[in-house]
């Protein structure tokens, strides 16, 4: 139960952080889907999927950018996450 509360708090923090970023209607990825996810060891993670059209939780049509973070949570304003081969902080695709 505690893990679920942690994921909910992380999701809210990520949503607030993304909502603060100014966006333009001309942006190629104008829509975002933020949801809790799982780290490779079944720990808590958060996933953000950026799309060109409104997305649904179960599928994404067309081009998208998915970013998942499972280390250094909860994320803080201005925090940088490094996705190099030496760290296992998350993924991007």
N, C-alpha and C. Protein backbone atom coordinates (compact mmCIF):
# COMPACT_ATOMS: atom_id res chain seq x y z
N UNK A 1 0.82 -1.19 0.00
CA UNK A 1 0.00 0.00 0.00
C UNK A 1 0.87 1.26 0.00
N UNK A 2 1.97 1.19 0.73
CA UNK A 2 2.86 2.35 0.78
C UNK A 2 3.46 2.63 -0.59
N UNK A 3 3.79 1.57 -1.34
CA UNK A 3 4.35 1.75 -2.68
C UNK A 3 3.34 2.44 -3.60
N UNK A 4 2.06 2.11 -3.46
CA UNK A 4 1.04 2.72 -4.30
C UNK A 4 0.92 4.21 -3.98
N UNK A 5 0.99 4.60 -2.72
CA UNK A 5 0.96 6.01 -2.34
C UNK A 5 2.16 6.74 -2.93
N UNK A 6 3.32 6.09 -2.92
CA UNK A 6 4.54 6.66 -3.47
C UNK A 6 4.37 6.93 -4.96
N UNK A 7 3.80 5.97 -5.69
CA UNK A 7 3.60 6.11 -7.13
C UNK A 7 2.60 7.23 -7.42
N UNK A 8 1.55 7.32 -6.63
CA UNK A 8 0.55 8.38 -6.83
C UNK A 8 1.19 9.75 -6.62
N UNK A 9 1.97 9.90 -5.56
CA UNK A 9 2.64 11.17 -5.30
C UNK A 9 3.60 11.51 -6.43
N UNK A 10 4.34 10.52 -6.92
CA UNK A 10 5.26 10.75 -8.03
C UNK A 10 4.51 11.19 -9.28
N UNK A 11 3.39 10.56 -9.56
CA UNK A 11 2.61 10.91 -10.73
C UNK A 11 2.12 12.35 -10.66
N UNK A 12 1.64 12.74 -9.49
CA UNK A 12 1.16 14.11 -9.32
C UNK A 12 2.31 15.11 -9.48
N UNK A 13 3.46 14.80 -8.90
CA UNK A 13 4.63 15.70 -9.03
C UNK A 13 5.05 15.85 -10.48
N UNK A 14 5.08 14.74 -11.20
CA UNK A 14 5.49 14.80 -12.61
C UNK A 14 4.47 15.58 -13.43
N UNK A 15 3.19 15.39 -13.16
CA UNK A 15 2.15 16.12 -13.88
C UNK A 15 2.30 17.62 -13.63
N UNK A 16 2.51 18.00 -12.39
CA UNK A 16 2.67 19.42 -12.07
C UNK A 16 3.91 20.00 -12.76
N UNK A 17 4.99 19.24 -12.79
CA UNK A 17 6.22 19.72 -13.44
C UNK A 17 5.98 19.92 -14.94
N UNK A 18 5.32 18.98 -15.57
CA UNK A 18 5.05 19.10 -17.01
C UNK A 18 4.05 20.22 -17.30
N UNK A 19 3.10 20.41 -16.42
CA UNK A 19 2.11 21.47 -16.62
C UNK A 19 2.75 22.85 -16.56
N UNK A 20 3.86 22.97 -15.84
CA UNK A 20 4.53 24.27 -15.70
C UNK A 20 5.38 24.61 -16.92
N UNK A 21 5.64 23.65 -17.78
CA UNK A 21 6.45 23.89 -18.96
C UNK A 21 5.58 24.53 -20.03
N UNK A 22 5.98 25.71 -20.53
CA UNK A 22 5.17 26.33 -21.56
C UNK A 22 5.19 25.49 -22.84
N UNK A 23 4.04 25.38 -23.48
CA UNK A 23 3.98 24.62 -24.72
C UNK A 23 3.27 25.43 -25.78
N UNK A 24 3.47 25.04 -26.99
CA UNK A 24 2.88 25.73 -28.13
C UNK A 24 2.00 24.75 -28.89
N UNK A 25 0.96 25.25 -29.52
CA UNK A 25 0.10 24.39 -30.33
C UNK A 25 0.88 23.84 -31.52
N UNK A 26 1.98 24.49 -31.89
CA UNK A 26 2.79 24.03 -33.00
C UNK A 26 3.79 22.96 -32.58
N UNK A 27 3.84 22.63 -31.32
CA UNK A 27 4.78 21.63 -30.83
C UNK A 27 4.46 20.28 -31.46
N UNK A 28 5.49 19.52 -31.91
CA UNK A 28 5.22 18.23 -32.52
C UNK A 28 4.63 17.22 -31.52
N UNK A 29 4.87 17.39 -30.22
CA UNK A 29 4.33 16.49 -29.21
C UNK A 29 3.55 17.32 -28.19
N UNK A 30 2.32 17.66 -28.53
CA UNK A 30 1.50 18.57 -27.72
C UNK A 30 0.74 17.88 -26.60
N UNK A 31 0.72 16.56 -26.58
CA UNK A 31 -0.06 15.83 -25.58
C UNK A 31 0.86 14.95 -24.74
N UNK A 32 0.47 14.74 -23.50
CA UNK A 32 1.28 13.90 -22.60
C UNK A 32 0.39 12.96 -21.81
N UNK A 33 0.91 11.78 -21.59
CA UNK A 33 0.26 10.78 -20.75
C UNK A 33 1.27 10.40 -19.67
N UNK A 34 0.90 10.61 -18.42
CA UNK A 34 1.79 10.31 -17.30
C UNK A 34 1.16 9.20 -16.49
N UNK A 35 1.95 8.16 -16.22
CA UNK A 35 1.38 7.04 -15.47
C UNK A 35 2.45 6.36 -14.64
N UNK A 36 2.02 5.68 -13.58
CA UNK A 36 2.98 4.91 -12.79
C UNK A 36 3.47 3.73 -13.61
N UNK A 37 4.67 3.31 -13.34
CA UNK A 37 5.27 2.19 -14.06
C UNK A 37 6.09 1.37 -13.07
N UNK A 38 6.82 0.39 -13.60
CA UNK A 38 7.64 -0.48 -12.74
C UNK A 38 9.08 -0.47 -13.21
N UNK A 39 9.99 -0.45 -12.25
CA UNK A 39 11.42 -0.59 -12.54
C UNK A 39 11.70 -2.07 -12.84
N UNK A 40 12.85 -2.38 -13.42
CA UNK A 40 13.17 -3.77 -13.74
C UNK A 40 13.12 -4.71 -12.52
N UNK A 41 13.33 -4.20 -11.34
CA UNK A 41 13.29 -5.02 -10.13
C UNK A 41 11.93 -4.91 -9.43
N UNK A 42 10.91 -4.43 -10.14
CA UNK A 42 9.54 -4.25 -9.66
C UNK A 42 9.39 -3.12 -8.66
N UNK A 43 10.34 -2.22 -8.61
CA UNK A 43 10.21 -1.02 -7.78
C UNK A 43 9.37 0.02 -8.49
N UNK A 44 9.06 1.10 -7.79
CA UNK A 44 8.26 2.17 -8.36
C UNK A 44 8.99 2.93 -9.45
N UNK A 45 8.25 3.39 -10.44
CA UNK A 45 8.80 4.19 -11.54
C UNK A 45 7.67 5.07 -12.06
N UNK A 46 8.04 6.01 -12.89
CA UNK A 46 7.06 6.88 -13.54
C UNK A 46 7.39 6.93 -15.02
N UNK A 47 6.35 6.93 -15.85
CA UNK A 47 6.54 6.96 -17.30
C UNK A 47 5.75 8.13 -17.89
N UNK A 48 6.40 8.88 -18.76
CA UNK A 48 5.77 9.99 -19.46
C UNK A 48 5.83 9.67 -20.95
N UNK A 49 4.69 9.72 -21.61
CA UNK A 49 4.63 9.50 -23.05
C UNK A 49 4.12 10.77 -23.71
N UNK A 50 4.91 11.33 -24.60
CA UNK A 50 4.53 12.53 -25.35
C UNK A 50 4.05 12.10 -26.73
N UNK A 51 2.88 12.62 -27.16
CA UNK A 51 2.29 12.21 -28.43
C UNK A 51 1.82 13.43 -29.22
N UNK A 52 1.51 13.19 -30.48
CA UNK A 52 1.00 14.26 -31.35
C UNK A 52 -0.52 14.36 -31.26
N UNK A 53 -1.17 13.30 -30.87
CA UNK A 53 -2.62 13.24 -30.73
C UNK A 53 -2.95 12.77 -29.32
N UNK A 54 -4.15 13.02 -28.83
CA UNK A 54 -4.51 12.51 -27.50
C UNK A 54 -4.30 11.00 -27.42
N UNK A 55 -3.70 10.54 -26.34
CA UNK A 55 -3.38 9.13 -26.17
C UNK A 55 -4.28 8.50 -25.12
N UNK A 56 -4.38 7.19 -25.18
CA UNK A 56 -5.11 6.43 -24.18
C UNK A 56 -4.11 5.58 -23.41
N UNK A 57 -4.49 5.18 -22.21
CA UNK A 57 -3.56 4.41 -21.37
C UNK A 57 -3.13 3.11 -22.01
N UNK A 58 -3.99 2.46 -22.75
CA UNK A 58 -3.66 1.13 -23.27
C UNK A 58 -2.93 1.15 -24.61
N UNK A 59 -2.96 2.28 -25.33
CA UNK A 59 -2.28 2.30 -26.64
C UNK A 59 -1.93 3.72 -27.05
N UNK A 60 -0.96 3.82 -27.95
CA UNK A 60 -0.55 5.10 -28.52
C UNK A 60 -0.42 4.91 -30.02
N UNK A 61 -1.17 5.69 -30.78
CA UNK A 61 -1.08 5.62 -32.24
C UNK A 61 -0.10 6.67 -32.73
N UNK A 62 0.63 6.35 -33.79
CA UNK A 62 1.53 7.32 -34.39
C UNK A 62 2.82 7.50 -33.63
N UNK A 63 3.53 8.56 -33.97
CA UNK A 63 4.84 8.84 -33.36
C UNK A 63 4.67 9.23 -31.90
N UNK A 64 5.64 8.84 -31.08
CA UNK A 64 5.61 9.19 -29.65
C UNK A 64 7.02 9.20 -29.09
N UNK A 65 7.16 9.81 -27.95
CA UNK A 65 8.40 9.81 -27.19
C UNK A 65 8.04 9.34 -25.79
N UNK A 66 8.65 8.23 -25.36
CA UNK A 66 8.38 7.68 -24.03
C UNK A 66 9.63 7.82 -23.17
N UNK A 67 9.43 8.30 -21.95
CA UNK A 67 10.54 8.49 -21.00
C UNK A 67 10.10 7.88 -19.68
N UNK A 68 10.93 7.02 -19.14
CA UNK A 68 10.64 6.40 -17.85
C UNK A 68 11.80 6.63 -16.90
N UNK A 69 11.48 6.90 -15.65
CA UNK A 69 12.52 7.13 -14.64
C UNK A 69 12.21 6.24 -13.44
N UNK A 70 13.24 5.53 -12.96
CA UNK A 70 13.04 4.71 -11.77
C UNK A 70 14.08 4.94 -10.69
N UNK A 71 15.04 5.78 -10.90
CA UNK A 71 15.99 6.14 -9.84
C UNK A 71 15.92 7.65 -9.60
N UNK A 72 16.23 8.08 -8.39
CA UNK A 72 16.22 9.49 -8.07
C UNK A 72 14.82 10.05 -7.88
N UNK A 73 13.88 9.17 -7.51
CA UNK A 73 12.51 9.61 -7.30
C UNK A 73 12.30 10.01 -5.85
N UNK A 74 11.44 10.94 -5.57
CA UNK A 74 10.62 11.70 -6.50
C UNK A 74 11.44 12.75 -7.23
N UNK A 75 11.01 13.09 -8.43
CA UNK A 75 11.68 14.10 -9.23
C UNK A 75 11.39 15.48 -8.65
N UNK A 76 12.37 16.35 -8.75
CA UNK A 76 12.24 17.71 -8.23
C UNK A 76 12.42 18.71 -9.37
N UNK A 77 11.87 19.88 -9.22
CA UNK A 77 11.98 20.93 -10.21
C UNK A 77 13.44 21.20 -10.53
N UNK A 78 13.79 21.18 -11.80
CA UNK A 78 15.16 21.45 -12.23
C UNK A 78 16.10 20.26 -12.15
N UNK A 79 15.61 19.13 -11.68
CA UNK A 79 16.46 17.94 -11.56
C UNK A 79 16.80 17.38 -12.94
N UNK A 80 18.04 17.00 -13.12
CA UNK A 80 18.47 16.37 -14.37
C UNK A 80 18.56 14.87 -14.18
N UNK A 81 18.12 14.13 -15.18
CA UNK A 81 18.21 12.67 -15.16
C UNK A 81 19.09 12.26 -16.32
N UNK A 82 20.14 11.51 -16.04
CA UNK A 82 21.12 11.09 -17.04
C UNK A 82 20.78 9.68 -17.52
N UNK A 83 20.67 9.49 -18.83
CA UNK A 83 20.37 8.19 -19.41
C UNK A 83 21.57 7.66 -20.18
N UNK A 84 22.71 7.57 -19.54
CA UNK A 84 23.87 7.01 -20.25
C UNK A 84 24.04 5.53 -19.90
N UNK A 85 24.98 4.87 -20.55
CA UNK A 85 25.16 3.43 -20.37
C UNK A 85 25.73 3.06 -19.00
N UNK A 86 26.28 4.02 -18.26
CA UNK A 86 26.87 3.72 -16.95
C UNK A 86 25.85 3.78 -15.83
N UNK A 87 24.71 4.38 -16.06
CA UNK A 87 23.70 4.49 -15.02
C UNK A 87 22.44 3.77 -15.47
N UNK A 88 21.68 3.32 -14.54
CA UNK A 88 20.41 2.67 -14.84
C UNK A 88 19.30 3.49 -14.18
N UNK A 89 19.12 4.71 -14.68
CA UNK A 89 18.14 5.62 -14.10
C UNK A 89 16.75 5.47 -14.72
N UNK A 90 16.69 4.92 -15.91
CA UNK A 90 15.42 4.81 -16.60
C UNK A 90 15.64 4.50 -18.06
N UNK A 91 14.70 4.94 -18.89
CA UNK A 91 14.79 4.67 -20.33
C UNK A 91 14.17 5.81 -21.12
N UNK A 92 14.48 5.86 -22.37
CA UNK A 92 13.84 6.77 -23.30
C UNK A 92 13.72 6.04 -24.64
N UNK A 93 12.58 6.18 -25.28
CA UNK A 93 12.40 5.54 -26.60
C UNK A 93 11.47 6.38 -27.45
